[in-house]
N, C-alpha and C. Protein backbone atom coordinates (compact mmCIF):
# COMPACT_ATOMS: atom_id res chain seq x y z
N MET A 1 7.08 3.54 -7.22
CA MET A 1 5.73 3.57 -7.74
C MET A 1 5.41 5.01 -8.14
N ASP A 2 4.70 5.18 -9.23
CA ASP A 2 4.34 6.53 -9.66
C ASP A 2 2.83 6.73 -9.51
N ALA A 3 2.36 7.93 -9.85
CA ALA A 3 0.95 8.29 -9.67
C ALA A 3 0.03 7.40 -10.50
N THR A 4 0.40 7.13 -11.73
CA THR A 4 -0.45 6.32 -12.61
C THR A 4 -0.64 4.92 -12.05
N GLU A 5 0.45 4.33 -11.56
CA GLU A 5 0.37 2.97 -11.03
C GLU A 5 -0.49 2.90 -9.77
N ILE A 6 -0.27 3.81 -8.82
CA ILE A 6 -1.06 3.75 -7.58
C ILE A 6 -2.53 4.03 -7.84
N LEU A 7 -2.82 4.98 -8.72
CA LEU A 7 -4.22 5.29 -9.03
C LEU A 7 -4.90 4.13 -9.75
N GLY A 8 -4.18 3.46 -10.63
CA GLY A 8 -4.73 2.29 -11.33
C GLY A 8 -5.02 1.15 -10.37
N ARG A 9 -4.09 0.88 -9.49
CA ARG A 9 -4.27 -0.19 -8.51
C ARG A 9 -5.40 0.15 -7.53
N TYR A 10 -5.49 1.44 -7.13
CA TYR A 10 -6.57 1.88 -6.24
C TYR A 10 -7.92 1.70 -6.95
N ALA A 11 -8.00 2.11 -8.22
CA ALA A 11 -9.24 1.98 -8.99
C ALA A 11 -9.66 0.52 -9.14
N ALA A 12 -8.66 -0.38 -9.14
CA ALA A 12 -8.94 -1.82 -9.25
C ALA A 12 -9.35 -2.44 -7.91
N GLY A 13 -9.39 -1.63 -6.86
CA GLY A 13 -9.86 -2.11 -5.57
C GLY A 13 -8.79 -2.30 -4.52
N GLU A 14 -7.53 -2.16 -4.88
CA GLU A 14 -6.46 -2.32 -3.89
C GLU A 14 -6.44 -1.10 -2.97
N ARG A 15 -6.25 -1.34 -1.68
CA ARG A 15 -6.19 -0.26 -0.71
C ARG A 15 -4.92 -0.29 0.13
N ASP A 16 -4.18 -1.38 0.10
CA ASP A 16 -2.99 -1.55 0.95
C ASP A 16 -1.72 -1.17 0.19
N PHE A 17 -1.18 -0.02 0.55
CA PHE A 17 0.04 0.47 -0.07
C PHE A 17 1.08 0.79 1.02
N ARG A 18 1.11 -0.04 2.05
CA ARG A 18 2.03 0.18 3.16
C ARG A 18 3.48 0.21 2.68
N GLY A 19 4.21 1.22 3.18
CA GLY A 19 5.64 1.30 2.94
C GLY A 19 6.06 1.70 1.52
N VAL A 20 5.15 2.11 0.67
CA VAL A 20 5.52 2.46 -0.70
C VAL A 20 6.32 3.76 -0.75
N ASP A 21 7.15 3.89 -1.76
CA ASP A 21 7.94 5.09 -1.97
C ASP A 21 7.24 5.95 -3.02
N LEU A 22 6.65 7.05 -2.56
CA LEU A 22 5.94 7.98 -3.44
C LEU A 22 6.53 9.38 -3.32
N ARG A 23 7.83 9.45 -3.08
CA ARG A 23 8.47 10.76 -2.94
C ARG A 23 8.22 11.60 -4.18
N GLY A 24 7.75 12.84 -3.95
CA GLY A 24 7.57 13.80 -5.03
C GLY A 24 6.40 13.50 -5.96
N VAL A 25 5.57 12.51 -5.65
CA VAL A 25 4.46 12.15 -6.53
C VAL A 25 3.43 13.29 -6.58
N GLU A 26 2.73 13.40 -7.70
CA GLU A 26 1.67 14.39 -7.84
C GLU A 26 0.33 13.66 -7.87
N LEU A 27 -0.43 13.84 -6.79
CA LEU A 27 -1.76 13.24 -6.67
C LEU A 27 -2.75 14.34 -6.30
N ARG A 28 -2.84 15.33 -7.15
CA ARG A 28 -3.72 16.47 -6.91
C ARG A 28 -5.17 16.08 -7.16
N GLU A 29 -6.04 16.46 -6.19
CA GLU A 29 -7.48 16.28 -6.29
C GLU A 29 -7.92 14.84 -6.53
N VAL A 30 -7.16 13.88 -6.02
CA VAL A 30 -7.56 12.48 -6.12
C VAL A 30 -8.44 12.11 -4.94
N ALA A 31 -9.27 11.10 -5.12
CA ALA A 31 -10.10 10.58 -4.04
C ALA A 31 -9.57 9.20 -3.69
N MET A 32 -8.94 9.10 -2.51
CA MET A 32 -8.36 7.83 -2.07
C MET A 32 -8.76 7.55 -0.62
N SER A 33 -10.05 7.60 -0.36
CA SER A 33 -10.51 7.35 1.00
C SER A 33 -10.22 5.90 1.40
N HIS A 34 -10.01 5.69 2.67
CA HIS A 34 -9.75 4.38 3.27
C HIS A 34 -8.46 3.72 2.78
N VAL A 35 -7.57 4.48 2.16
CA VAL A 35 -6.30 3.92 1.68
C VAL A 35 -5.36 3.67 2.87
N ASP A 36 -4.55 2.62 2.77
CA ASP A 36 -3.58 2.30 3.81
C ASP A 36 -2.18 2.64 3.30
N LEU A 37 -1.65 3.74 3.81
CA LEU A 37 -0.30 4.20 3.43
C LEU A 37 0.63 4.22 4.65
N ARG A 38 0.37 3.33 5.60
CA ARG A 38 1.21 3.29 6.80
C ARG A 38 2.67 3.10 6.41
N GLY A 39 3.52 3.97 6.98
CA GLY A 39 4.96 3.87 6.75
C GLY A 39 5.42 4.26 5.36
N ALA A 40 4.54 4.83 4.56
CA ALA A 40 4.90 5.24 3.19
C ALA A 40 5.75 6.50 3.21
N ASP A 41 6.48 6.71 2.13
CA ASP A 41 7.30 7.91 1.98
C ASP A 41 6.65 8.82 0.95
N LEU A 42 6.05 9.90 1.43
CA LEU A 42 5.39 10.87 0.56
C LEU A 42 6.05 12.24 0.68
N ARG A 43 7.34 12.22 0.97
CA ARG A 43 8.06 13.49 1.08
C ARG A 43 7.91 14.29 -0.21
N GLU A 44 7.64 15.59 -0.03
CA GLU A 44 7.54 16.55 -1.14
C GLU A 44 6.49 16.19 -2.17
N ALA A 45 5.50 15.39 -1.77
CA ALA A 45 4.41 15.04 -2.68
C ALA A 45 3.45 16.21 -2.83
N SER A 46 2.80 16.32 -3.98
CA SER A 46 1.78 17.33 -4.20
C SER A 46 0.42 16.64 -4.07
N LEU A 47 -0.25 16.91 -2.96
CA LEU A 47 -1.52 16.27 -2.63
C LEU A 47 -2.63 17.31 -2.49
N VAL A 48 -2.51 18.40 -3.22
CA VAL A 48 -3.45 19.52 -3.14
C VAL A 48 -4.86 19.03 -3.49
N GLY A 49 -5.81 19.32 -2.59
CA GLY A 49 -7.21 18.99 -2.83
C GLY A 49 -7.52 17.50 -2.79
N ALA A 50 -6.59 16.68 -2.34
CA ALA A 50 -6.82 15.23 -2.29
C ALA A 50 -7.78 14.88 -1.17
N ASN A 51 -8.52 13.79 -1.36
CA ASN A 51 -9.44 13.31 -0.35
C ASN A 51 -8.89 12.00 0.23
N PHE A 52 -8.37 12.10 1.46
CA PHE A 52 -7.83 10.95 2.18
C PHE A 52 -8.70 10.66 3.40
N TYR A 53 -10.00 10.69 3.22
CA TYR A 53 -10.93 10.41 4.31
C TYR A 53 -10.65 9.03 4.88
N ARG A 54 -10.48 8.96 6.21
CA ARG A 54 -10.23 7.72 6.95
C ARG A 54 -9.01 6.96 6.45
N ALA A 55 -8.04 7.67 5.90
CA ALA A 55 -6.80 7.04 5.44
C ALA A 55 -5.95 6.62 6.63
N ARG A 56 -5.18 5.58 6.44
CA ARG A 56 -4.26 5.09 7.47
C ARG A 56 -2.86 5.59 7.09
N LEU A 57 -2.42 6.62 7.80
CA LEU A 57 -1.14 7.27 7.51
C LEU A 57 -0.20 7.21 8.71
N PHE A 58 -0.35 6.19 9.53
CA PHE A 58 0.48 5.98 10.70
C PHE A 58 1.95 5.90 10.29
N ARG A 59 2.79 6.72 10.92
CA ARG A 59 4.23 6.77 10.66
C ARG A 59 4.59 7.06 9.19
N THR A 60 3.70 7.73 8.48
CA THR A 60 3.96 8.12 7.10
C THR A 60 4.82 9.38 7.08
N ASN A 61 5.76 9.45 6.15
CA ASN A 61 6.60 10.62 6.01
C ASN A 61 5.97 11.55 4.98
N LEU A 62 5.40 12.65 5.46
CA LEU A 62 4.78 13.66 4.61
C LEU A 62 5.53 14.99 4.72
N SER A 63 6.81 14.91 5.06
CA SER A 63 7.57 16.15 5.22
C SER A 63 7.63 16.90 3.89
N ARG A 64 7.43 18.21 3.99
CA ARG A 64 7.43 19.14 2.86
C ARG A 64 6.40 18.78 1.78
N ALA A 65 5.38 17.98 2.13
CA ALA A 65 4.30 17.67 1.19
C ALA A 65 3.33 18.84 1.16
N ASN A 66 2.68 19.04 0.02
CA ASN A 66 1.68 20.10 -0.10
C ASN A 66 0.30 19.46 -0.03
N LEU A 67 -0.38 19.67 1.09
CA LEU A 67 -1.70 19.12 1.34
C LEU A 67 -2.76 20.24 1.38
N THR A 68 -2.50 21.34 0.72
CA THR A 68 -3.43 22.47 0.71
C THR A 68 -4.83 22.01 0.32
N SER A 69 -5.81 22.40 1.12
CA SER A 69 -7.23 22.11 0.87
C SER A 69 -7.56 20.62 0.80
N SER A 70 -6.71 19.78 1.34
CA SER A 70 -6.98 18.34 1.34
C SER A 70 -7.95 17.96 2.45
N ILE A 71 -8.57 16.82 2.28
CA ILE A 71 -9.49 16.28 3.28
C ILE A 71 -8.80 15.10 3.95
N LEU A 72 -8.57 15.26 5.24
CA LEU A 72 -7.96 14.19 6.05
C LEU A 72 -8.87 13.89 7.24
N ARG A 73 -10.16 13.97 7.03
CA ARG A 73 -11.14 13.69 8.09
C ARG A 73 -10.96 12.26 8.58
N GLN A 74 -10.90 12.10 9.89
CA GLN A 74 -10.78 10.82 10.56
C GLN A 74 -9.55 10.02 10.11
N ALA A 75 -8.56 10.68 9.58
CA ALA A 75 -7.33 10.00 9.16
C ALA A 75 -6.47 9.65 10.36
N ASP A 76 -5.77 8.54 10.27
CA ASP A 76 -4.84 8.11 11.30
C ASP A 76 -3.46 8.63 10.93
N LEU A 77 -3.07 9.74 11.55
CA LEU A 77 -1.77 10.36 11.30
C LEU A 77 -0.86 10.25 12.53
N ARG A 78 -1.10 9.23 13.35
CA ARG A 78 -0.28 9.05 14.54
C ARG A 78 1.18 8.87 14.15
N ALA A 79 2.05 9.60 14.85
CA ALA A 79 3.50 9.53 14.66
C ALA A 79 3.93 9.84 13.22
N ALA A 80 3.09 10.52 12.47
CA ALA A 80 3.44 10.91 11.10
C ALA A 80 4.42 12.09 11.14
N CYS A 81 5.25 12.17 10.13
CA CYS A 81 6.18 13.29 10.00
C CYS A 81 5.61 14.26 8.97
N LEU A 82 5.20 15.44 9.45
CA LEU A 82 4.64 16.49 8.60
C LEU A 82 5.50 17.74 8.70
N ASN A 83 6.77 17.57 8.98
CA ASN A 83 7.68 18.71 9.11
C ASN A 83 7.75 19.48 7.80
N GLY A 84 7.49 20.78 7.88
CA GLY A 84 7.55 21.63 6.70
C GLY A 84 6.42 21.42 5.72
N ALA A 85 5.42 20.61 6.07
CA ALA A 85 4.30 20.36 5.17
C ALA A 85 3.38 21.57 5.11
N VAL A 86 2.65 21.70 4.02
CA VAL A 86 1.67 22.76 3.85
C VAL A 86 0.29 22.14 4.00
N LEU A 87 -0.39 22.50 5.10
CA LEU A 87 -1.72 22.00 5.40
C LEU A 87 -2.72 23.15 5.40
N TYR A 88 -2.45 24.18 4.62
CA TYR A 88 -3.29 25.37 4.55
C TYR A 88 -4.71 24.96 4.15
N LEU A 89 -5.70 25.40 4.96
CA LEU A 89 -7.12 25.12 4.73
C LEU A 89 -7.44 23.63 4.65
N CYS A 90 -6.62 22.80 5.25
CA CYS A 90 -6.81 21.36 5.27
C CYS A 90 -7.89 20.99 6.28
N ASP A 91 -8.70 20.00 5.96
CA ASP A 91 -9.74 19.53 6.88
C ASP A 91 -9.21 18.31 7.63
N LEU A 92 -8.84 18.53 8.89
CA LEU A 92 -8.32 17.47 9.75
C LEU A 92 -9.33 17.12 10.85
N THR A 93 -10.61 17.33 10.57
CA THR A 93 -11.65 17.05 11.53
C THR A 93 -11.57 15.59 11.98
N GLU A 94 -11.52 15.39 13.28
CA GLU A 94 -11.49 14.08 13.91
C GLU A 94 -10.26 13.25 13.55
N ALA A 95 -9.24 13.87 13.01
CA ALA A 95 -8.00 13.15 12.69
C ALA A 95 -7.22 12.86 13.96
N ASP A 96 -6.45 11.79 13.94
CA ASP A 96 -5.60 11.44 15.08
C ASP A 96 -4.16 11.79 14.74
N LEU A 97 -3.66 12.87 15.35
CA LEU A 97 -2.30 13.33 15.13
C LEU A 97 -1.44 13.13 16.38
N THR A 98 -1.80 12.13 17.20
CA THR A 98 -1.04 11.85 18.40
C THR A 98 0.42 11.58 18.04
N ASP A 99 1.33 12.27 18.72
CA ASP A 99 2.78 12.11 18.52
C ASP A 99 3.26 12.49 17.11
N ALA A 100 2.44 13.18 16.33
CA ALA A 100 2.87 13.63 15.00
C ALA A 100 3.83 14.81 15.14
N SER A 101 4.73 14.94 14.18
CA SER A 101 5.66 16.06 14.17
C SER A 101 5.28 17.00 13.03
N LEU A 102 4.96 18.24 13.40
CA LEU A 102 4.57 19.26 12.42
C LEU A 102 5.47 20.48 12.54
N LYS A 103 6.75 20.25 12.76
CA LYS A 103 7.70 21.35 12.90
C LYS A 103 7.74 22.16 11.62
N GLU A 104 7.62 23.48 11.78
CA GLU A 104 7.66 24.43 10.67
C GLU A 104 6.62 24.15 9.59
N ALA A 105 5.52 23.50 9.96
CA ALA A 105 4.44 23.24 9.02
C ALA A 105 3.52 24.45 8.93
N ASP A 106 2.86 24.62 7.80
CA ASP A 106 1.87 25.68 7.62
C ASP A 106 0.50 25.04 7.80
N VAL A 107 -0.08 25.25 8.97
CA VAL A 107 -1.38 24.70 9.30
C VAL A 107 -2.40 25.83 9.38
N SER A 108 -2.07 26.97 8.80
CA SER A 108 -2.95 28.14 8.89
C SER A 108 -4.28 27.86 8.20
N GLY A 109 -5.32 28.28 8.87
CA GLY A 109 -6.67 28.12 8.34
C GLY A 109 -7.19 26.70 8.36
N ALA A 110 -6.43 25.76 8.93
CA ALA A 110 -6.86 24.37 8.95
C ALA A 110 -7.98 24.17 9.96
N CYS A 111 -8.79 23.17 9.72
CA CYS A 111 -9.87 22.83 10.63
C CYS A 111 -9.49 21.58 11.40
N LEU A 112 -9.28 21.74 12.70
CA LEU A 112 -8.96 20.62 13.58
C LEU A 112 -10.10 20.48 14.58
N PHE A 113 -11.30 20.70 14.10
CA PHE A 113 -12.49 20.75 14.93
C PHE A 113 -12.93 19.35 15.34
N ARG A 114 -13.60 19.29 16.47
CA ARG A 114 -14.18 18.01 16.86
C ARG A 114 -15.66 18.19 17.14
N GLY A 115 -16.39 17.14 16.97
CA GLY A 115 -17.81 17.16 17.26
C GLY A 115 -18.04 16.90 18.74
N VAL A 116 -19.23 16.50 19.09
CA VAL A 116 -19.60 16.32 20.48
C VAL A 116 -18.81 15.19 21.13
N LEU A 117 -18.62 14.08 20.45
CA LEU A 117 -17.99 12.92 21.06
C LEU A 117 -16.64 12.56 20.46
N CYS A 118 -16.27 13.17 19.39
CA CYS A 118 -15.01 12.77 18.75
C CYS A 118 -14.26 14.02 18.31
N GLY A 119 -12.98 13.90 18.04
CA GLY A 119 -12.25 15.10 17.66
C GLY A 119 -10.83 14.87 17.23
N ALA A 120 -10.19 15.94 16.84
CA ALA A 120 -8.79 15.89 16.46
C ALA A 120 -7.97 15.60 17.70
N ASP A 121 -7.21 14.55 17.66
CA ASP A 121 -6.39 14.16 18.79
C ASP A 121 -4.97 14.63 18.51
N LEU A 122 -4.55 15.67 19.20
CA LEU A 122 -3.23 16.26 18.98
C LEU A 122 -2.28 16.00 20.15
N ARG A 123 -2.62 15.06 21.01
CA ARG A 123 -1.80 14.81 22.19
C ARG A 123 -0.35 14.58 21.80
N ALA A 124 0.53 15.33 22.45
CA ALA A 124 1.98 15.22 22.29
C ALA A 124 2.47 15.54 20.87
N ALA A 125 1.63 16.19 20.06
CA ALA A 125 2.07 16.60 18.73
C ALA A 125 3.03 17.78 18.86
N THR A 126 3.91 17.93 17.90
CA THR A 126 4.90 19.00 17.91
C THR A 126 4.60 19.98 16.79
N PHE A 127 4.29 21.23 17.17
CA PHE A 127 4.04 22.31 16.21
C PHE A 127 5.13 23.37 16.33
N TYR A 128 6.32 22.98 16.66
CA TYR A 128 7.43 23.91 16.86
C TYR A 128 7.64 24.76 15.60
N SER A 129 7.58 26.08 15.76
CA SER A 129 7.77 27.05 14.67
C SER A 129 6.77 26.89 13.53
N SER A 130 5.62 26.30 13.81
CA SER A 130 4.60 26.12 12.77
C SER A 130 3.72 27.35 12.66
N ASP A 131 3.07 27.48 11.52
CA ASP A 131 2.13 28.57 11.29
C ASP A 131 0.72 28.01 11.46
N LEU A 132 0.07 28.38 12.57
CA LEU A 132 -1.28 27.93 12.86
C LEU A 132 -2.28 29.08 12.79
N ARG A 133 -1.88 30.20 12.20
CA ARG A 133 -2.77 31.35 12.17
C ARG A 133 -4.13 30.98 11.57
N TRP A 134 -5.18 31.39 12.30
CA TRP A 134 -6.58 31.23 11.91
C TRP A 134 -7.01 29.77 11.83
N ALA A 135 -6.25 28.87 12.43
CA ALA A 135 -6.67 27.47 12.50
C ALA A 135 -7.79 27.33 13.53
N ASP A 136 -8.67 26.38 13.31
CA ASP A 136 -9.75 26.12 14.25
C ASP A 136 -9.39 24.87 15.06
N LEU A 137 -9.01 25.08 16.32
CA LEU A 137 -8.64 23.99 17.21
C LEU A 137 -9.76 23.71 18.22
N SER A 138 -10.97 24.11 17.89
CA SER A 138 -12.11 23.94 18.80
C SER A 138 -12.26 22.49 19.22
N GLY A 139 -12.18 22.25 20.50
CA GLY A 139 -12.41 20.93 21.05
C GLY A 139 -11.31 19.91 20.79
N ALA A 140 -10.23 20.30 20.18
CA ALA A 140 -9.14 19.36 19.93
C ALA A 140 -8.46 19.01 21.24
N ASP A 141 -7.96 17.79 21.35
CA ASP A 141 -7.22 17.37 22.54
C ASP A 141 -5.79 17.88 22.40
N LEU A 142 -5.43 18.87 23.22
CA LEU A 142 -4.14 19.54 23.12
C LEU A 142 -3.18 19.15 24.24
N GLU A 143 -3.44 18.07 24.92
CA GLU A 143 -2.60 17.65 26.04
C GLU A 143 -1.16 17.38 25.58
N GLY A 144 -0.22 18.12 26.17
CA GLY A 144 1.20 17.91 25.89
C GLY A 144 1.67 18.42 24.54
N VAL A 145 0.88 19.25 23.86
CA VAL A 145 1.26 19.76 22.54
C VAL A 145 2.37 20.80 22.68
N ASP A 146 3.33 20.75 21.79
CA ASP A 146 4.45 21.70 21.77
C ASP A 146 4.14 22.80 20.76
N PHE A 147 3.79 23.99 21.27
CA PHE A 147 3.50 25.15 20.42
C PHE A 147 4.64 26.17 20.46
N ARG A 148 5.82 25.77 20.94
CA ARG A 148 6.91 26.74 21.04
C ARG A 148 7.20 27.38 19.69
N ARG A 149 7.32 28.70 19.70
CA ARG A 149 7.64 29.52 18.54
C ARG A 149 6.62 29.42 17.41
N ALA A 150 5.45 28.86 17.69
CA ALA A 150 4.41 28.75 16.67
C ALA A 150 3.67 30.08 16.51
N LYS A 151 3.20 30.35 15.31
CA LYS A 151 2.39 31.53 15.04
C LYS A 151 0.95 31.15 15.33
N LEU A 152 0.34 31.82 16.32
CA LEU A 152 -0.99 31.45 16.79
C LEU A 152 -2.01 32.56 16.66
N ASN A 153 -1.76 33.57 15.86
CA ASN A 153 -2.69 34.69 15.71
C ASN A 153 -4.04 34.19 15.20
N GLY A 154 -5.11 34.53 15.90
CA GLY A 154 -6.46 34.23 15.44
C GLY A 154 -6.88 32.78 15.59
N VAL A 155 -6.09 31.94 16.27
CA VAL A 155 -6.46 30.54 16.45
C VAL A 155 -7.70 30.47 17.33
N THR A 156 -8.68 29.66 16.95
CA THR A 156 -9.89 29.45 17.72
C THR A 156 -9.70 28.24 18.61
N MET A 157 -10.00 28.43 19.90
CA MET A 157 -9.85 27.35 20.87
C MET A 157 -11.23 26.87 21.33
N SER A 158 -11.26 25.95 22.27
CA SER A 158 -12.51 25.34 22.77
C SER A 158 -13.53 26.35 23.25
N ASP A 159 -13.07 27.44 23.83
CA ASP A 159 -14.01 28.42 24.35
C ASP A 159 -14.61 29.29 23.26
N GLY A 160 -14.22 29.04 22.00
CA GLY A 160 -14.76 29.80 20.88
C GLY A 160 -14.04 31.09 20.58
N GLY A 161 -13.15 31.49 21.45
CA GLY A 161 -12.43 32.75 21.25
C GLY A 161 -11.09 32.54 20.59
N PRO A 162 -10.51 33.61 20.09
CA PRO A 162 -9.20 33.49 19.48
C PRO A 162 -8.14 33.32 20.56
N TRP A 163 -7.01 32.77 20.18
CA TRP A 163 -5.88 32.51 21.08
C TRP A 163 -5.41 33.77 21.70
């Protein structure tokens, strides 16, 4: 499937694209909120500035995808593969990244903030060798997170202070 086909089907009201192969697709600055891409292959996709609000991305392969400045608020990214992905300045507010793999990902400047009752769920996520500089992890659930060899300069934590 290519960008034109998925955008046309989305515009026609379709939201279920489970398991589709979108390797290397360019979907820059698209609005695809509530889309279901569970198990899809989006390796090396260009998703710069895309809006995936409340998207279902469970077990989606987003390795080496460029998600710079994308909106992934309340997205389901459980067990997603984001190895080597670029999430620079990405909005992951209230996203569920439980068991996600973000090895060598660039998450610098990303917002993983949570509100009073809800938040970014990062339990058991892997950030091995990732760049998290200046990311906002305020209130995120960090239980069991692997930060080994991660760059954490200037990261904001729950107490409001830098790492």
